[in-house]
Each structure stands twice: as structure tokens, then as C-alpha cells.
PDB file of N, CA and C in Angstrom:
ATOM      1  N   MET A   1       0.845  -1.172   0.000  1.00  0.00           N
ATOM      2  CA  MET A   1       0.000   0.000   0.000  1.00  0.00           C
ATOM      3  C   MET A   1       0.894   1.240   0.000  1.00  0.00           C
ATOM      4  N   ALA A   2       0.554   2.189  -0.809  1.00  0.00           N
ATOM      5  CA  ALA A   2       1.342   3.406  -0.920  1.00  0.00           C
ATOM      6  C   ALA A   2       1.129   4.295   0.296  1.00  0.00           C
ATOM      7  N   LYS A   3       2.173   5.041   0.641  1.00  0.00           N
ATOM      8  CA  LYS A   3       2.074   5.969   1.757  1.00  0.00           C
ATOM      9  C   LYS A   3       1.275   7.182   1.338  1.00  0.00           C
ATOM     10  N   ARG A   4       0.637   7.761   2.280  1.00  0.00           N
ATOM     11  CA  ARG A   4      -0.178   8.937   2.014  1.00  0.00           C
ATOM     12  C   ARG A   4       0.554  10.164   2.541  1.00  0.00           C
ATOM     13  N   ASN A   5       0.656  11.179   1.705  1.00  0.00           N
ATOM     14  CA  ASN A   5       1.298  12.422   2.116  1.00  0.00           C
ATOM     15  C   ASN A   5       0.271  13.310   2.801  1.00  0.00           C
ATOM     16  N   ALA A   6       0.696  13.963   3.864  1.00  0.00           N
ATOM     17  CA  ALA A   6      -0.210  14.836   4.610  1.00  0.00           C
ATOM     18  C   ALA A   6      -0.441  16.156   3.884  1.00  0.00           C
ATOM     19  N   GLU A   7       0.546  16.630   3.134  1.00  0.00           N
ATOM     20  CA  GLU A   7       0.397  17.917   2.463  1.00  0.00           C
ATOM     21  C   GLU A   7      -0.373  17.757   1.153  1.00  0.00           C
ATOM     22  N   GLU A   8      -0.905  18.850   0.686  1.00  0.00           N
ATOM     23  CA  GLU A   8      -1.643  18.833  -0.568  1.00  0.00           C
ATOM     24  C   GLU A   8      -0.655  18.866  -1.732  1.00  0.00           C
ATOM     25  N   SER A   9      -1.002  18.154  -2.801  1.00  0.00           N
ATOM     26  CA  SER A   9      -0.157  18.107  -3.992  1.00  0.00           C
ATOM     27  C   SER A   9      -1.033  18.315  -5.222  1.00  0.00           C
ATOM     28  N   THR A  10      -0.411  18.880  -6.244  1.00  0.00           N
ATOM     29  CA  THR A  10      -1.144  19.039  -7.491  1.00  0.00           C
ATOM     30  C   THR A  10      -1.170  17.699  -8.224  1.00  0.00           C
ATOM     31  N   ILE A  11      -2.080  17.583  -9.163  1.00  0.00           N
ATOM     32  CA  ILE A  11      -2.175  16.342  -9.931  1.00  0.00           C
ATOM     33  C   ILE A  11      -0.890  16.115 -10.721  1.00  0.00           C
ATOM     34  N   GLY A  12      -0.308  17.184 -11.256  1.00  0.00           N
ATOM     35  CA  GLY A  12       0.947  17.062 -11.997  1.00  0.00           C
ATOM     36  C   GLY A  12       2.067  16.495 -11.147  1.00  0.00           C
ATOM     37  N   ASP A  13       2.163  16.967  -9.900  1.00  0.00           N
ATOM     38  CA  ASP A  13       3.201  16.462  -9.002  1.00  0.00           C
ATOM     39  C   ASP A  13       2.969  14.993  -8.656  1.00  0.00           C
ATOM     40  N   VAL A  14       1.726  14.646  -8.444  1.00  0.00           N
ATOM     41  CA  VAL A  14       1.387  13.253  -8.116  1.00  0.00           C
ATOM     42  C   VAL A  14       1.739  12.345  -9.290  1.00  0.00           C
ATOM     43  N   LEU A  15       1.413  12.776 -10.512  1.00  0.00           N
ATOM     44  CA  LEU A  15       1.731  11.969 -11.693  1.00  0.00           C
ATOM     45  C   LEU A  15       3.237  11.832 -11.885  1.00  0.00           C
ATOM     46  N   LYS A  16       3.992  12.922 -11.673  1.00  0.00           N
ATOM     47  CA  LYS A  16       5.451  12.850 -11.795  1.00  0.00           C
ATOM     48  C   LYS A  16       6.031  11.868 -10.786  1.00  0.00           C
ATOM     49  N   ASN A  17       5.524  11.911  -9.555  1.00  0.00           N
ATOM     50  CA  ASN A  17       6.000  10.982  -8.529  1.00  0.00           C
ATOM     51  C   ASN A  17       5.665   9.542  -8.905  1.00  0.00           C
ATOM     52  N   PHE A  18       4.457   9.325  -9.435  1.00  0.00           N
ATOM     53  CA  PHE A  18       4.046   7.988  -9.839  1.00  0.00           C
ATOM     54  C   PHE A  18       4.922   7.468 -10.966  1.00  0.00           C
ATOM     55  N   ILE A  19       5.182   8.311 -11.960  1.00  0.00           N
ATOM     56  CA  ILE A  19       6.000   7.909 -13.105  1.00  0.00           C
ATOM     57  C   ILE A  19       7.421   7.586 -12.670  1.00  0.00           C
ATOM     58  N   SER A  20       7.998   8.424 -11.825  1.00  0.00           N
ATOM     59  CA  SER A  20       9.376   8.178 -11.396  1.00  0.00           C
ATOM     60  C   SER A  20       9.479   6.977 -10.457  1.00  0.00           C
ATOM     61  N   SER A  21       8.504   6.789  -9.586  1.00  0.00           N
ATOM     62  CA  SER A  21       8.579   5.669  -8.650  1.00  0.00           C
ATOM     63  C   SER A  21       8.366   4.325  -9.347  1.00  0.00           C
ATOM     64  N   ASN A  22       7.636   4.318 -10.450  1.00  0.00           N
ATOM     65  CA  ASN A  22       7.395   3.078 -11.191  1.00  0.00           C
ATOM     66  C   ASN A  22       8.303   2.923 -12.411  1.00  0.00           C
ATOM     67  N   LYS A  23       9.285   3.831 -12.557  1.00  0.00           N
ATOM     68  CA  LYS A  23      10.289   3.780 -13.628  1.00  0.00           C
ATOM     69  C   LYS A  23       9.642   3.709 -15.015  1.00  0.00           C
ATOM     70  N   LEU A  24       8.743   4.647 -15.273  1.00  0.00           N
ATOM     71  CA  LEU A  24       8.030   4.696 -16.548  1.00  0.00           C
ATOM     72  C   LEU A  24       8.569   5.762 -17.499  1.00  0.00           C
ATOM     73  N   GLU A  25       9.632   6.477 -17.123  1.00  0.00           N
ATOM     74  CA  GLU A  25      10.137   7.579 -17.936  1.00  0.00           C
ATOM     75  C   GLU A  25      10.567   7.129 -19.332  1.00  0.00           C
ATOM     76  N   LYS A  26      11.274   6.001 -19.416  1.00  0.00           N
ATOM     77  CA  LYS A  26      11.789   5.549 -20.708  1.00  0.00           C
ATOM     78  C   LYS A  26      10.658   5.248 -21.681  1.00  0.00           C
ATOM     79  N   GLY A  27       9.619   4.599 -21.204  1.00  0.00           N
ATOM     80  CA  GLY A  27       8.476   4.292 -22.063  1.00  0.00           C
ATOM     81  C   GLY A  27       7.760   5.540 -22.519  1.00  0.00           C
ATOM     82  N   LEU A  28       7.601   6.490 -21.619  1.00  0.00           N
ATOM     83  CA  LEU A  28       6.953   7.748 -21.992  1.00  0.00           C
ATOM     84  C   LEU A  28       7.825   8.555 -22.950  1.00  0.00           C
ATOM     85  N   ASP A  29       9.134   8.494 -22.772  1.00  0.00           N
ATOM     86  CA  ASP A  29      10.043   9.193 -23.682  1.00  0.00           C
ATOM     87  C   ASP A  29       9.922   8.639 -25.100  1.00  0.00           C
ATOM     88  N   LYS A  30       9.768   7.322 -25.225  1.00  0.00           N
ATOM     89  CA  LYS A  30       9.631   6.713 -26.545  1.00  0.00           C
ATOM     90  C   LYS A  30       8.360   7.189 -27.248  1.00  0.00           C
ATOM     91  N   VAL A  31       7.283   7.281 -26.504  1.00  0.00           N
ATOM     92  CA  VAL A  31       6.025   7.763 -27.083  1.00  0.00           C
ATOM     93  C   VAL A  31       6.130   9.244 -27.415  1.00  0.00           C
ATOM     94  N   THR A  32       6.731  10.002 -26.523  1.00  0.00           N
ATOM     95  CA  THR A  32       6.859  11.443 -26.726  1.00  0.00           C
ATOM     96  C   THR A  32       7.714  11.769 -27.940  1.00  0.00           C
ATOM     97  N   ILE A  33       8.791  11.023 -28.149  1.00  0.00           N
ATOM     98  CA  ILE A  33       9.670  11.321 -29.282  1.00  0.00           C
ATOM     99  C   ILE A  33       8.988  10.974 -30.598  1.00  0.00           C
ATOM    100  N   LYS A  34       8.136   9.961 -30.615  1.00  0.00           N
ATOM    101  CA  LYS A  34       7.377   9.635 -31.830  1.00  0.00           C
ATOM    102  C   LYS A  34       6.413  10.769 -32.172  1.00  0.00           C
ATOM    103  N   GLU A  35       5.732  11.283 -31.166  1.00  0.00           N
ATOM    104  CA  GLU A  35       4.824  12.407 -31.387  1.00  0.00           C
ATOM    105  C   GLU A  35       5.594  13.639 -31.857  1.00  0.00           C
ATOM    106  N   ALA A  36       6.762  13.868 -31.273  1.00  0.00           N
ATOM    107  CA  ALA A  36       7.576  15.027 -31.658  1.00  0.00           C
ATOM    108  C   ALA A  36       8.057  14.890 -33.100  1.00  0.00           C
ATOM    109  N   TRP A  37       8.415  13.683 -33.528  1.00  0.00           N
ATOM    110  CA  TRP A  37       8.858  13.463 -34.912  1.00  0.00           C
ATOM    111  C   TRP A  37       7.762  13.890 -35.882  1.00  0.00           C
ATOM    112  N   HIS A  38       6.533  13.449 -35.623  1.00  0.00           N
ATOM    113  CA  HIS A  38       5.422  13.778 -36.511  1.00  0.00           C
ATOM    114  C   HIS A  38       5.081  15.267 -36.461  1.00  0.00           C
ATOM    115  N   THR A  39       5.233  15.890 -35.300  1.00  0.00           N
ATOM    116  CA  THR A  39       4.949  17.320 -35.167  1.00  0.00           C
ATOM    117  C   THR A  39       6.013  18.161 -35.862  1.00  0.00           C
ATOM    118  N   VAL A  40       7.271  17.852 -35.615  1.00  0.00           N
ATOM    119  CA  VAL A  40       8.376  18.670 -36.137  1.00  0.00           C
ATOM    120  C   VAL A  40       8.532  18.499 -37.652  1.00  0.00           C
ATOM    121  N   LEU A  41       8.483  17.269 -38.134  1.00  0.00           N
ATOM    122  CA  LEU A  41       8.774  17.029 -39.545  1.00  0.00           C
ATOM    123  C   LEU A  41       7.537  17.033 -40.441  1.00  0.00           C
ATOM    124  N   GLY A  42       6.373  16.997 -39.867  1.00  0.00           N
ATOM    125  CA  GLY A  42       5.158  17.169 -40.647  1.00  0.00           C
ATOM    126  C   GLY A  42       4.627  15.900 -41.293  1.00  0.00           C
ATOM    127  N   GLU A  43       3.468  16.067 -41.911  1.00  0.00           N
ATOM    128  CA  GLU A  43       2.736  14.948 -42.511  1.00  0.00           C
ATOM    129  C   GLU A  43       3.465  14.342 -43.702  1.00  0.00           C
ATOM    130  N   ALA A  44       4.101  15.165 -44.520  1.00  0.00           N
ATOM    131  CA  ALA A  44       4.757  14.663 -45.733  1.00  0.00           C
ATOM    132  C   ALA A  44       5.860  13.658 -45.405  1.00  0.00           C
ATOM    133  N   ILE A  45       6.693  13.977 -44.435  1.00  0.00           N
ATOM    134  CA  ILE A  45       7.790  13.077 -44.066  1.00  0.00           C
ATOM    135  C   ILE A  45       7.267  11.901 -43.245  1.00  0.00           C
ATOM    136  N   SER A  46       6.224  12.125 -42.470  1.00  0.00           N
ATOM    137  CA  SER A  46       5.640  11.049 -41.670  1.00  0.00           C
ATOM    138  C   SER A  46       5.101   9.925 -42.548  1.00  0.00           C
ATOM    139  N   LYS A  47       4.647  10.263 -43.752  1.00  0.00           N
ATOM    140  CA  LYS A  47       4.137   9.235 -44.665  1.00  0.00           C
ATOM    141  C   LYS A  47       5.231   8.256 -45.072  1.00  0.00           C
ATOM    142  N   TYR A  48       6.455   8.728 -45.161  1.00  0.00           N
ATOM    143  CA  TYR A  48       7.572   7.883 -45.574  1.00  0.00           C
ATOM    144  C   TYR A  48       8.309   7.247 -44.395  1.00  0.00           C
ATOM    145  N   THR A  49       7.880   7.562 -43.184  1.00  0.00           N
ATOM    146  CA  THR A  49       8.507   6.998 -41.988  1.00  0.00           C
ATOM    147  C   THR A  49       7.849   5.661 -41.666  1.00  0.00           C
ATOM    148  N   THR A  50       8.643   4.600 -41.679  1.00  0.00           N
ATOM    149  CA  THR A  50       8.090   3.268 -41.409  1.00  0.00           C
ATOM    150  C   THR A  50       8.389   2.779 -39.993  1.00  0.00           C
ATOM    151  N   GLY A  51       9.323   3.411 -39.300  1.00  0.00           N
ATOM    152  CA  GLY A  51       9.631   2.989 -37.942  1.00  0.00           C
ATOM    153  C   GLY A  51      10.469   4.006 -37.198  1.00  0.00           C
ATOM    154  N   LEU A  52      10.174   4.144 -35.899  1.00  0.00           N
ATOM    155  CA  LEU A  52      10.940   5.025 -35.007  1.00  0.00           C
ATOM    156  C   LEU A  52      11.234   4.253 -33.726  1.00  0.00           C
ATOM    157  N   VAL A  53      12.507   4.144 -33.392  1.00  0.00           N
ATOM    158  CA  VAL A  53      12.899   3.446 -32.172  1.00  0.00           C
ATOM    159  C   VAL A  53      13.917   4.296 -31.438  1.00  0.00           C
ATOM    160  N   LEU A  54      13.667   4.565 -30.158  1.00  0.00           N
ATOM    161  CA  LEU A  54      14.598   5.301 -29.308  1.00  0.00           C
ATOM    162  C   LEU A  54      15.273   4.322 -28.367  1.00  0.00           C
ATOM    163  N   GLU A  55      16.596   4.192 -28.510  1.00  0.00           N
ATOM    164  CA  GLU A  55      17.375   3.314 -27.640  1.00  0.00           C
ATOM    165  C   GLU A  55      18.615   4.052 -27.169  1.00  0.00           C
ATOM    166  N   ARG A  56      18.746   4.219 -25.876  1.00  0.00           N
ATOM    167  CA  ARG A  56      19.925   4.833 -25.254  1.00  0.00           C
ATOM    168  C   ARG A  56      20.369   6.104 -25.962  1.00  0.00           C
ATOM    169  N   GLU A  57      19.490   7.066 -26.044  1.00  0.00           N
ATOM    170  CA  GLU A  57      19.753   8.400 -26.600  1.00  0.00           C
ATOM    171  C   GLU A  57      20.041   8.378 -28.098  1.00  0.00           C
ATOM    172  N   THR A  58      19.755   7.277 -28.779  1.00  0.00           N
ATOM    173  CA  THR A  58      19.906   7.184 -30.222  1.00  0.00           C
ATOM    174  C   THR A  58      18.535   6.924 -30.830  1.00  0.00           C
ATOM    175  N   LEU A  59      18.153   7.753 -31.784  1.00  0.00           N
ATOM    176  CA  LEU A  59      16.878   7.584 -32.470  1.00  0.00           C
ATOM    177  C   LEU A  59      17.138   6.927 -33.817  1.00  0.00           C
ATOM    178  N   PHE A  60      16.561   5.735 -34.000  1.00  0.00           N
ATOM    179  CA  PHE A  60      16.670   5.002 -35.250  1.00  0.00           C
ATOM    180  C   PHE A  60      15.388   5.249 -36.040  1.00  0.00           C
ATOM    181  N   VAL A  61      15.541   5.792 -37.245  1.00  0.00           N
ATOM    182  CA  VAL A  61      14.396   6.132 -38.080  1.00  0.00           C
ATOM    183  C   VAL A  61      14.481   5.321 -39.367  1.00  0.00           C
ATOM    184  N   SER A  62      13.431   4.541 -39.634  1.00  0.00           N
ATOM    185  CA  SER A  62      13.353   3.785 -40.880  1.00  0.00           C
ATOM    186  C   SER A  62      12.493   4.563 -41.858  1.00  0.00           C
ATOM    187  N   LEU A  63      13.036   4.779 -43.047  1.00  0.00           N
ATOM    188  CA  LEU A  63      12.329   5.524 -44.083  1.00  0.00           C
ATOM    189  C   LEU A  63      12.163   4.645 -45.317  1.00  0.00           C
ATOM    190  N   SER A  64      11.039   4.824 -46.012  1.00  0.00           N
ATOM    191  CA  SER A  64      10.775   4.023 -47.205  1.00  0.00           C
ATOM    192  C   SER A  64      11.344   4.662 -48.465  1.00  0.00           C
ATOM    193  N   SER A  65      11.852   5.870 -48.365  1.00  0.00           N
ATOM    194  CA  SER A  65      12.394   6.577 -49.532  1.00  0.00           C
ATOM    195  C   SER A  65      13.881   6.848 -49.336  1.00  0.00           C
ATOM    196  N   SER A  66      14.689   6.320 -50.233  1.00  0.00           N
ATOM    197  CA  SER A  66      16.131   6.535 -50.137  1.00  0.00           C
ATOM    198  C   SER A  66      16.492   7.991 -50.446  1.00  0.00           C
ATOM    199  N   VAL A  67      15.720   8.631 -51.310  1.00  0.00           N
ATOM    200  CA  VAL A  67      15.973  10.035 -51.636  1.00  0.00           C
ATOM    201  C   VAL A  67      15.721  10.913 -50.411  1.00  0.00           C
ATOM    202  N   LEU A  68      14.629  10.654 -49.715  1.00  0.00           N
ATOM    203  CA  LEU A  68      14.311  11.407 -48.504  1.00  0.00           C
ATOM    204  C   LEU A  68      15.362  11.156 -47.423  1.00  0.00           C
ATOM    205  N   ARG A  69      15.812   9.916 -47.305  1.00  0.00           N
ATOM    206  CA  ARG A  69      16.853   9.581 -46.321  1.00  0.00           C
ATOM    207  C   ARG A  69      18.106  10.400 -46.580  1.00  0.00           C
ATOM    208  N   GLU A  70      18.484  10.518 -47.838  1.00  0.00           N
ATOM    209  CA  GLU A  70      19.671  11.291 -48.205  1.00  0.00           C
ATOM    210  C   GLU A  70      19.485  12.771 -47.877  1.00  0.00           C
ATOM    211  N   GLU A  71      18.311  13.303 -48.194  1.00  0.00           N
ATOM    212  CA  GLU A  71      18.025  14.719 -47.912  1.00  0.00           C
ATOM    213  C   GLU A  71      18.050  15.001 -46.406  1.00  0.00           C
ATOM    214  N   LEU A  72      17.431  14.121 -45.618  1.00  0.00           N
ATOM    215  CA  LEU A  72      17.391  14.325 -44.169  1.00  0.00           C
ATOM    216  C   LEU A  72      18.768  14.160 -43.530  1.00  0.00           C
ATOM    217  N   SER A  73      19.633  13.370 -44.153  1.00  0.00           N
ATOM    218  CA  SER A  73      20.963  13.155 -43.567  1.00  0.00           C
ATOM    219  C   SER A  73      21.779  14.440 -43.540  1.00  0.00           C
ATOM    220  N   TYR A  74      21.478  15.377 -44.422  1.00  0.00           N
ATOM    221  CA  TYR A  74      22.202  16.652 -44.426  1.00  0.00           C
ATOM    222  C   TYR A  74      21.831  17.533 -43.237  1.00  0.00           C
ATOM    223  N   GLY A  75      20.653  17.315 -42.652  1.00  0.00           N
ATOM    224  CA  GLY A  75      20.200  18.162 -41.554  1.00  0.00           C
ATOM    225  C   GLY A  75      20.010  17.432 -40.243  1.00  0.00           C
ATOM    226  N   LYS A  76      20.814  16.398 -39.999  1.00  0.00           N
ATOM    227  CA  LYS A  76      20.661  15.596 -38.777  1.00  0.00           C
ATOM    228  C   LYS A  76      20.763  16.435 -37.504  1.00  0.00           C
ATOM    229  N   GLU A  77      21.744  17.296 -37.436  1.00  0.00           N
ATOM    230  CA  GLU A  77      21.956  18.117 -36.236  1.00  0.00           C
ATOM    231  C   GLU A  77      20.743  19.001 -35.960  1.00  0.00           C
ATOM    232  N   LYS A  78      20.233  19.613 -37.005  1.00  0.00           N
ATOM    233  CA  LYS A  78      19.074  20.494 -36.848  1.00  0.00           C
ATOM    234  C   LYS A  78      17.837  19.696 -36.432  1.00  0.00           C
ATOM    235  N   ILE A  79      17.644  18.523 -37.015  1.00  0.00           N
ATOM    236  CA  ILE A  79      16.502  17.677 -36.655  1.00  0.00           C
ATOM    237  C   ILE A  79      16.583  17.277 -35.190  1.00  0.00           C
ATOM    238  N   MET A  80      17.781  16.869 -34.731  1.00  0.00           N
ATOM    239  CA  MET A  80      17.940  16.491 -33.318  1.00  0.00           C
ATOM    240  C   MET A  80      17.638  17.673 -32.406  1.00  0.00           C
ATOM    241  N   LYS A  81      18.121  18.849 -32.776  1.00  0.00           N
ATOM    242  CA  LYS A  81      17.884  20.045 -31.973  1.00  0.00           C
ATOM    243  C   LYS A  81      16.391  20.352 -31.889  1.00  0.00           C
ATOM    244  N   LEU A  82      15.695  20.290 -33.018  1.00  0.00           N
ATOM    245  CA  LEU A  82      14.262  20.576 -33.037  1.00  0.00           C
ATOM    246  C   LEU A  82      13.458  19.544 -32.245  1.00  0.00           C
ATOM    247  N   LEU A  83      13.839  18.276 -32.354  1.00  0.00           N
ATOM    248  CA  LEU A  83      13.143  17.228 -31.596  1.00  0.00           C
ATOM    249  C   LEU A  83      13.331  17.420 -30.098  1.00  0.00           C
ATOM    250  N   ASN A  84      14.556  17.704 -29.684  1.00  0.00           N
ATOM    251  CA  ASN A  84      14.824  17.905 -28.260  1.00  0.00           C
ATOM    252  C   ASN A  84      14.099  19.137 -27.724  1.00  0.00           C
ATOM    253  N   GLU A  85      14.010  20.189 -28.535  1.00  0.00           N
ATOM    254  CA  GLU A  85      13.268  21.380 -28.112  1.00  0.00           C
ATOM    255  C   GLU A  85      11.785  21.072 -27.975  1.00  0.00           C
ATOM    256  N   GLU A  86      11.245  20.281 -28.893  1.00  0.00           N
ATOM    257  CA  GLU A  86       9.822  19.922 -28.855  1.00  0.00           C
ATOM    258  C   GLU A  86       9.493  19.102 -27.602  1.00  0.00           C
ATOM    259  N   VAL A  87      10.401  18.195 -27.253  1.00  0.00           N
ATOM    260  CA  VAL A  87      10.183  17.327 -26.096  1.00  0.00           C
ATOM    261  C   VAL A  87      10.451  18.077 -24.787  1.00  0.00           C
ATOM    262  N   GLY A  88      11.364  19.039 -24.827  1.00  0.00           N
ATOM    263  CA  GLY A  88      11.677  19.809 -23.626  1.00  0.00           C
ATOM    264  C   GLY A  88      12.864  19.290 -22.838  1.00  0.00           C
ATOM    265  N   LYS A  89      13.518  18.265 -23.336  1.00  0.00           N
ATOM    266  CA  LYS A  89      14.744  17.759 -22.707  1.00  0.00           C
ATOM    267  C   LYS A  89      15.566  17.057 -23.772  1.00  0.00           C
ATOM    268  N   GLU A  90      16.824  16.806 -23.468  1.00  0.00           N
ATOM    269  CA  GLU A  90      17.721  16.218 -24.459  1.00  0.00           C
ATOM    270  C   GLU A  90      17.608  14.698 -24.444  1.00  0.00           C
ATOM    271  N   LEU A  91      16.719  14.183 -25.298  1.00  0.00           N
ATOM    272  CA  LEU A  91      16.519  12.747 -25.416  1.00  0.00           C
ATOM    273  C   LEU A  91      17.371  12.153 -26.521  1.00  0.00           C
ATOM    274  N   VAL A  92      17.521  12.902 -27.620  1.00  0.00           N
ATOM    275  CA  VAL A  92      18.214  12.371 -28.798  1.00  0.00           C
ATOM    276  C   VAL A  92      19.588  13.022 -28.912  1.00  0.00           C
ATOM    277  N   LYS A  93      20.631  12.189 -28.834  1.00  0.00           N
ATOM    278  CA  LYS A  93      21.996  12.676 -29.014  1.00  0.00           C
ATOM    279  C   LYS A  93      22.584  12.161 -30.311  1.00  0.00           C
ATOM    280  N   LYS A  94      21.945  11.152 -30.900  1.00  0.00           N
ATOM    281  CA  LYS A  94      22.417  10.594 -32.162  1.00  0.00           C
ATOM    282  C   LYS A  94      21.192  10.195 -32.986  1.00  0.00           C
ATOM    283  N   LEU A  95      21.250  10.456 -34.279  1.00  0.00           N
ATOM    284  CA  LEU A  95      20.152  10.136 -35.184  1.00  0.00           C
ATOM    285  C   LEU A  95      20.670   9.217 -36.277  1.00  0.00           C
ATOM    286  N   VAL A  96      20.041   8.058 -36.421  1.00  0.00           N
ATOM    287  CA  VAL A  96      20.438   7.079 -37.441  1.00  0.00           C
ATOM    288  C   VAL A  96      19.265   6.905 -38.392  1.00  0.00           C
ATOM    289  N   LEU A  97      19.500   7.230 -39.665  1.00  0.00           N
ATOM    290  CA  LEU A  97      18.487   7.077 -40.691  1.00  0.00           C
ATOM    291  C   LEU A  97      18.765   5.806 -41.473  1.00  0.00           C
ATOM    292  N   LYS A  98      17.762   4.948 -41.575  1.00  0.00           N
ATOM    293  CA  LYS A  98      17.972   3.711 -42.345  1.00  0.00           C
ATOM    294  C   LYS A  98      16.768   3.418 -43.200  1.00  0.00           C
TER     295      LYS A  98
END
């Protein structure tokens, strides 16, 4: 049974405590980075994205278009910066396009 705090807490604080105590950050980060990819890069690029996997600060992106993969490879640093800004913390330190 969980301990009860005597002081009042906001729902946001309670959720943060629950997430950290149950070690759910990594799973939420994976979902958040997928949403950020679709938000930052838009619908056109999302259509060609076949897979997104976040493992140990490396984002692996599978694309169905080799031309698009080549174009995106020129702006990897900018894409990582935009994704991290969208998420609000530095989740992606390396981007692998395949």
C-alpha cells in the first residue's frame, strides 16, 4: 500500500511521482519522441517513416524513400535540436536514418 502524504499536492506532481517511482520515464520518452517526430517534420515526411525506435539516446528512423533519407541526412543536427526542443529535454543525441 502506498504511503499517504499529509500535504496537498497538485495532480501534476502526483503523476510525476508515480512515473518516477514506477520507472516509466523511458516508455513515456519513446512515445513522446514519436509524437515530436510527426509534429516537427510534418505529414509529408511522416508518410515515408516506417519505424521510429529510441534506444539509449539514439533515435533510429526507418524511411521508405532513399531520396528522402539522403536529404534528411544533411540536416541531422538540426533535426535532433528541433526534436529535443519539442520534447523539452535532451533525449536524442544521435540520429540514425535507415
